[in-house]
PDB file of N, CA and C in Angstrom:
ATOM      1  N   MET A   1       9.604  13.246 -23.342  1.00  0.00           N
ATOM      2  CA  MET A   1       8.461  13.648 -22.146  1.00  0.00           C
ATOM      3  C   MET A   1       8.370  12.385 -21.286  1.00  0.00           C
ATOM      4  N   ASP A   2       8.082  12.822 -20.071  1.00  0.00           N
ATOM      5  CA  ASP A   2       8.094  11.893 -18.948  1.00  0.00           C
ATOM      6  C   ASP A   2       6.983  10.890 -18.952  1.00  0.00           C
ATOM      7  N   THR A   3       7.082  10.136 -18.596  1.00  0.00           N
ATOM      8  CA  THR A   3       5.974   9.172 -18.351  1.00  0.00           C
ATOM      9  C   THR A   3       5.061   9.304 -17.126  1.00  0.00           C
ATOM     10  N   VAL A   4       3.855   8.846 -17.178  1.00  0.00           N
ATOM     11  CA  VAL A   4       2.713   8.724 -15.980  1.00  0.00           C
ATOM     12  C   VAL A   4       3.693   8.326 -14.811  1.00  0.00           C
ATOM     13  N   VAL A   5       4.252   7.002 -14.689  1.00  0.00           N
ATOM     14  CA  VAL A   5       5.288   6.527 -13.698  1.00  0.00           C
ATOM     15  C   VAL A   5       6.313   7.359 -13.326  1.00  0.00           C
ATOM     16  N   GLY A   6       7.066   8.125 -14.283  1.00  0.00           N
ATOM     17  CA  GLY A   6       8.104   8.943 -13.998  1.00  0.00           C
ATOM     18  C   GLY A   6       7.710   9.925 -13.267  1.00  0.00           C
ATOM     19  N   LYS A   7       6.606  10.728 -13.384  1.00  0.00           N
ATOM     20  CA  LYS A   7       5.849  11.930 -12.728  1.00  0.00           C
ATOM     21  C   LYS A   7       5.592  11.517 -11.500  1.00  0.00           C
ATOM     22  N   ASP A   8       4.842  10.254 -10.962  1.00  0.00           N
ATOM     23  CA  ASP A   8       4.629   9.830  -9.995  1.00  0.00           C
ATOM     24  C   ASP A   8       5.713   9.657  -8.928  1.00  0.00           C
ATOM     25  N   HIS A   9       6.772   8.860  -9.642  1.00  0.00           N
ATOM     26  CA  HIS A   9       7.949   8.996  -8.821  1.00  0.00           C
ATOM     27  C   HIS A   9       8.788  10.011  -8.390  1.00  0.00           C
ATOM     28  N   LYS A  10       8.358  11.382  -9.169  1.00  0.00           N
ATOM     29  CA  LYS A  10       8.970  12.520  -8.637  1.00  0.00           C
ATOM     30  C   LYS A  10       7.827  12.950  -7.686  1.00  0.00           C
ATOM     31  N   SER A  11       6.770  12.929  -7.848  1.00  0.00           N
ATOM     32  CA  SER A  11       5.520  13.175  -6.813  1.00  0.00           C
ATOM     33  C   SER A  11       6.156  12.733  -5.560  1.00  0.00           C
ATOM     34  N   ALA A  12       6.300  11.256  -5.593  1.00  0.00           N
ATOM     35  CA  ALA A  12       6.605  10.478  -4.188  1.00  0.00           C
ATOM     36  C   ALA A  12       7.837  11.182  -3.512  1.00  0.00           C
ATOM     37  N   ILE A  13       8.833  11.590  -4.501  1.00  0.00           N
ATOM     38  CA  ILE A  13      10.223  12.301  -4.015  1.00  0.00           C
ATOM     39  C   ILE A  13       9.998  13.398  -3.445  1.00  0.00           C
ATOM     40  N   HIS A  14       9.119  14.141  -3.728  1.00  0.00           N
ATOM     41  CA  HIS A  14       8.507  15.598  -3.445  1.00  0.00           C
ATOM     42  C   HIS A  14       7.996  15.223  -1.658  1.00  0.00           C
ATOM     43  N   TRP A  15       7.782  14.021  -1.382  1.00  0.00           N
ATOM     44  CA  TRP A  15       7.045  13.773  -0.147  1.00  0.00           C
ATOM     45  C   TRP A  15       8.118  13.195   0.613  1.00  0.00           C
ATOM     46  N   PHE A  16       8.733  12.383  -0.220  1.00  0.00           N
ATOM     47  CA  PHE A  16       9.303  11.326   0.910  1.00  0.00           C
ATOM     48  C   PHE A  16      11.166  11.545  -0.180  1.00  0.00           C
ATOM     49  N   PRO A  17      11.685  12.138   0.407  1.00  0.00           N
ATOM     50  CA  PRO A  17      13.199  12.735  -0.256  1.00  0.00           C
ATOM     51  C   PRO A  17      14.019  11.199  -0.206  1.00  0.00           C
ATOM     52  N   LYS A  18      14.772  11.277  -1.110  1.00  0.00           N
ATOM     53  CA  LYS A  18      15.672  10.084  -1.227  1.00  0.00           C
ATOM     54  C   LYS A  18      16.458   9.694  -0.181  1.00  0.00           C
ATOM     55  N   GLY A  19      16.414   8.422   0.711  1.00  0.00           N
ATOM     56  CA  GLY A  19      16.925   7.972   2.051  1.00  0.00           C
ATOM     57  C   GLY A  19      16.139   8.338   2.945  1.00  0.00           C
ATOM     58  N   THR A  20      14.798   8.502   2.809  1.00  0.00           N
ATOM     59  CA  THR A  20      13.770   8.437   3.734  1.00  0.00           C
ATOM     60  C   THR A  20      13.641   7.391   4.500  1.00  0.00           C
ATOM     61  N   ASP A  21      13.857   7.598   5.688  1.00  0.00           N
ATOM     62  CA  ASP A  21      13.784   6.294   6.631  1.00  0.00           C
ATOM     63  C   ASP A  21      11.938   5.557   6.751  1.00  0.00           C
ATOM     64  N   PHE A  22      11.607   4.907   6.265  1.00  0.00           N
ATOM     65  CA  PHE A  22       9.675   4.826   6.283  1.00  0.00           C
ATOM     66  C   PHE A  22       9.576   4.229   7.744  1.00  0.00           C
ATOM     67  N   ASN A  23      10.651   3.702   8.332  1.00  0.00           N
ATOM     68  CA  ASN A  23      10.110   3.290   9.668  1.00  0.00           C
ATOM     69  C   ASN A  23       9.869   4.706  10.512  1.00  0.00           C
ATOM     70  N   ASN A  24      10.113   5.646  10.367  1.00  0.00           N
ATOM     71  CA  ASN A  24       9.980   7.038  11.015  1.00  0.00           C
ATOM     72  C   ASN A  24       8.760   7.734  10.098  1.00  0.00           C
ATOM     73  N   VAL A  25       8.090   7.231   9.429  1.00  0.00           N
ATOM     74  CA  VAL A  25       7.032   7.580   8.257  1.00  0.00           C
ATOM     75  C   VAL A  25       5.682   6.848   8.975  1.00  0.00           C
ATOM     76  N   SER A  26       4.660   7.522   9.447  1.00  0.00           N
ATOM     77  CA  SER A  26       3.559   6.897   9.828  1.00  0.00           C
ATOM     78  C   SER A  26       2.590   6.332   8.494  1.00  0.00           C
ATOM     79  N   GLN A  27       1.897   5.319   8.927  1.00  0.00           N
ATOM     80  CA  GLN A  27       1.155   4.820   7.890  1.00  0.00           C
ATOM     81  C   GLN A  27       0.396   5.517   7.228  1.00  0.00           C
ATOM     82  N   GLN A  28      -0.503   6.467   8.308  1.00  0.00           N
ATOM     83  CA  GLN A  28      -1.270   7.787   8.024  1.00  0.00           C
ATOM     84  C   GLN A  28      -0.553   8.486   6.894  1.00  0.00           C
ATOM     85  N   LYS A  29       0.403   8.715   6.927  1.00  0.00           N
ATOM     86  CA  LYS A  29       1.140   9.791   5.998  1.00  0.00           C
ATOM     87  C   LYS A  29       1.127   9.257   4.659  1.00  0.00           C
ATOM     88  N   ILE A  30       1.593   7.986   4.497  1.00  0.00           N
ATOM     89  CA  ILE A  30       1.811   7.198   3.362  1.00  0.00           C
ATOM     90  C   ILE A  30       0.666   7.056   2.767  1.00  0.00           C
ATOM     91  N   ASN A  31      -0.475   6.754   3.403  1.00  0.00           N
ATOM     92  CA  ASN A  31      -1.871   6.721   2.619  1.00  0.00           C
ATOM     93  C   ASN A  31      -2.162   7.799   2.185  1.00  0.00           C
ATOM     94  N   TRP A  32      -1.834   9.072   2.919  1.00  0.00           N
ATOM     95  CA  TRP A  32      -2.171  10.429   2.517  1.00  0.00           C
ATOM     96  C   TRP A  32      -1.538  10.714   1.213  1.00  0.00           C
ATOM     97  N   VAL A  33      -0.259  10.360   1.098  1.00  0.00           N
ATOM     98  CA  VAL A  33       0.572  10.387  -0.229  1.00  0.00           C
ATOM     99  C   VAL A  33       0.047   9.868  -1.219  1.00  0.00           C
ATOM    100  N   VAL A  34      -0.198   8.640  -1.135  1.00  0.00           N
ATOM    101  CA  VAL A  34      -0.643   7.639  -1.994  1.00  0.00           C
ATOM    102  C   VAL A  34      -2.093   8.248  -2.531  1.00  0.00           C
ATOM    103  N   ASN A  35      -3.052   8.644  -1.768  1.00  0.00           N
ATOM    104  CA  ASN A  35      -4.159   9.177  -2.110  1.00  0.00           C
ATOM    105  C   ASN A  35      -4.277  10.553  -2.798  1.00  0.00           C
ATOM    106  N   VAL A  36      -3.384  11.376  -2.565  1.00  0.00           N
ATOM    107  CA  VAL A  36      -3.005  12.528  -2.886  1.00  0.00           C
ATOM    108  C   VAL A  36      -2.306  12.318  -4.805  1.00  0.00           C
ATOM    109  N   ILE A  37      -1.396  11.335  -4.937  1.00  0.00           N
ATOM    110  CA  ILE A  37      -1.134  10.971  -5.876  1.00  0.00           C
ATOM    111  C   ILE A  37      -1.934  10.332  -6.965  1.00  0.00           C
ATOM    112  N   ASN A  38      -3.089   9.384  -6.270  1.00  0.00           N
ATOM    113  CA  ASN A  38      -3.985   8.762  -7.084  1.00  0.00           C
ATOM    114  C   ASN A  38      -5.095   9.424  -7.486  1.00  0.00           C
ATOM    115  N   GLU A  39      -5.453  10.550  -6.657  1.00  0.00           N
ATOM    116  CA  GLU A  39      -6.529  11.128  -7.074  1.00  0.00           C
ATOM    117  C   GLU A  39      -6.000  12.838  -8.010  1.00  0.00           C
ATOM    118  N   LYS A  40      -5.217  12.874  -8.503  1.00  0.00           N
ATOM    119  CA  LYS A  40      -4.576  14.025  -9.185  1.00  0.00           C
ATOM    120  C   LYS A  40      -5.237  13.898 -10.436  1.00  0.00           C
ATOM    121  N   LEU A  41      -5.522  14.755 -11.280  1.00  0.00           N
ATOM    122  CA  LEU A  41      -6.584  14.827 -12.288  1.00  0.00           C
ATOM    123  C   LEU A  41      -5.158  14.838 -13.384  1.00  0.00           C
ATOM    124  N   ARG A  42      -5.280  14.059 -14.359  1.00  0.00           N
ATOM    125  CA  ARG A  42      -3.997  13.881 -15.197  1.00  0.00           C
ATOM    126  C   ARG A  42      -4.538  14.305 -16.710  1.00  0.00           C
ATOM    127  N   HIS A  43      -3.956  14.920 -17.304  1.00  0.00           N
ATOM    128  CA  HIS A  43      -4.225  15.535 -18.790  1.00  0.00           C
ATOM    129  C   HIS A  43      -3.894  14.006 -19.675  1.00  0.00           C
ATOM    130  N   ILE A  44      -2.971  13.246 -19.366  1.00  0.00           N
ATOM    131  CA  ILE A  44      -2.534  12.207 -20.141  1.00  0.00           C
ATOM    132  C   ILE A  44      -3.907  11.196 -20.188  1.00  0.00           C
ATOM    133  N   LEU A  45      -4.672  11.200 -19.077  1.00  0.00           N
ATOM    134  CA  LEU A  45      -5.741  10.417 -18.788  1.00  0.00           C
ATOM    135  C   LEU A  45      -7.226  10.990 -19.154  1.00  0.00           C
ATOM    136  N   ASN A  46      -6.936  11.763 -19.933  1.00  0.00           N
ATOM    137  CA  ASN A  46      -8.318  12.943 -20.547  1.00  0.00           C
ATOM    138  C   ASN A  46      -8.882  13.574 -19.388  1.00  0.00           C
ATOM    139  N   TRP A  47      -8.071  14.210 -18.363  1.00  0.00           N
ATOM    140  CA  TRP A  47      -8.641  14.829 -17.029  1.00  0.00           C
ATOM    141  C   TRP A  47      -9.098  13.962 -16.250  1.00  0.00           C
ATOM    142  N   ARG A  48      -8.807  12.669 -16.281  1.00  0.00           N
ATOM    143  CA  ARG A  48      -9.403  11.715 -15.014  1.00  0.00           C
ATOM    144  C   ARG A  48      -8.048  11.275 -13.966  1.00  0.00           C
ATOM    145  N   THR A  49      -8.643  10.594 -13.005  1.00  0.00           N
ATOM    146  CA  THR A  49      -7.767  10.285 -12.165  1.00  0.00           C
ATOM    147  C   THR A  49      -7.292   8.693 -12.195  1.00  0.00           C
ATOM    148  N   ALA A  50      -5.963   8.435 -11.820  1.00  0.00           N
ATOM    149  CA  ALA A  50      -5.660   6.852 -11.846  1.00  0.00           C
ATOM    150  C   ALA A  50      -6.621   6.067 -11.124  1.00  0.00           C
ATOM    151  N   LYS A  51      -7.017   6.687  -9.969  1.00  0.00           N
ATOM    152  CA  LYS A  51      -7.802   5.736  -9.113  1.00  0.00           C
ATOM    153  C   LYS A  51      -8.902   5.729  -9.925  1.00  0.00           C
ATOM    154  N   ASP A  52      -9.976   6.772 -10.405  1.00  0.00           N
ATOM    155  CA  ASP A  52     -11.151   6.453 -11.416  1.00  0.00           C
ATOM    156  C   ASP A  52     -10.903   5.516 -12.407  1.00  0.00           C
ATOM    157  N   LEU A  53      -9.782   5.413 -13.043  1.00  0.00           N
ATOM    158  CA  LEU A  53      -9.487   4.119 -13.995  1.00  0.00           C
ATOM    159  C   LEU A  53      -9.455   2.887 -13.342  1.00  0.00           C
ATOM    160  N   PHE A  54      -8.632   2.876 -12.303  1.00  0.00           N
ATOM    161  CA  PHE A  54      -8.320   1.733 -11.729  1.00  0.00           C
ATOM    162  C   PHE A  54      -9.783   1.005 -11.245  1.00  0.00           C
ATOM    163  N   LEU A  55     -10.485   1.737 -10.521  1.00  0.00           N
ATOM    164  CA  LEU A  55     -11.855   1.481  -9.995  1.00  0.00           C
ATOM    165  C   LEU A  55     -12.636   1.018 -11.162  1.00  0.00           C
ATOM    166  N   GLU A  56     -12.719   1.512 -12.578  1.00  0.00           N
ATOM    167  CA  GLU A  56     -13.511   1.128 -13.640  1.00  0.00           C
ATOM    168  C   GLU A  56     -13.263   0.130 -14.389  1.00  0.00           C
ATOM    169  N   ASN A  57     -12.026  -0.199 -14.062  1.00  0.00           N
ATOM    170  CA  ASN A  57     -11.451  -1.530 -14.766  1.00  0.00           C
ATOM    171  C   ASN A  57     -10.800  -2.824 -14.012  1.00  0.00           C
ATOM    172  N   PHE A  58     -10.864  -2.739 -12.724  1.00  0.00           N
ATOM    173  CA  PHE A  58     -10.741  -3.400 -11.851  1.00  0.00           C
ATOM    174  C   PHE A  58     -11.439  -4.107 -10.708  1.00  0.00           C
ATOM    175  N   ILE A  59     -12.444  -2.965 -10.450  1.00  0.00           N
ATOM    176  CA  ILE A  59     -13.337  -3.236  -9.587  1.00  0.00           C
ATOM    177  C   ILE A  59     -14.591  -3.677 -10.133  1.00  0.00           C
TER     178      ILE A  59
END
């Protein structure tokens, strides 16, 4: 079974394939991808988002 981190890595590779030159990627696109990943509902988190759990536990 994949871990949450492993699945996030696969998600990042979907948007930024191996070898992507991040000098050619806008900060806006990076922020958008991070938000997509962090706001995804996850079964392993009881259908909550990583962002929700972070805000509850660290803010």
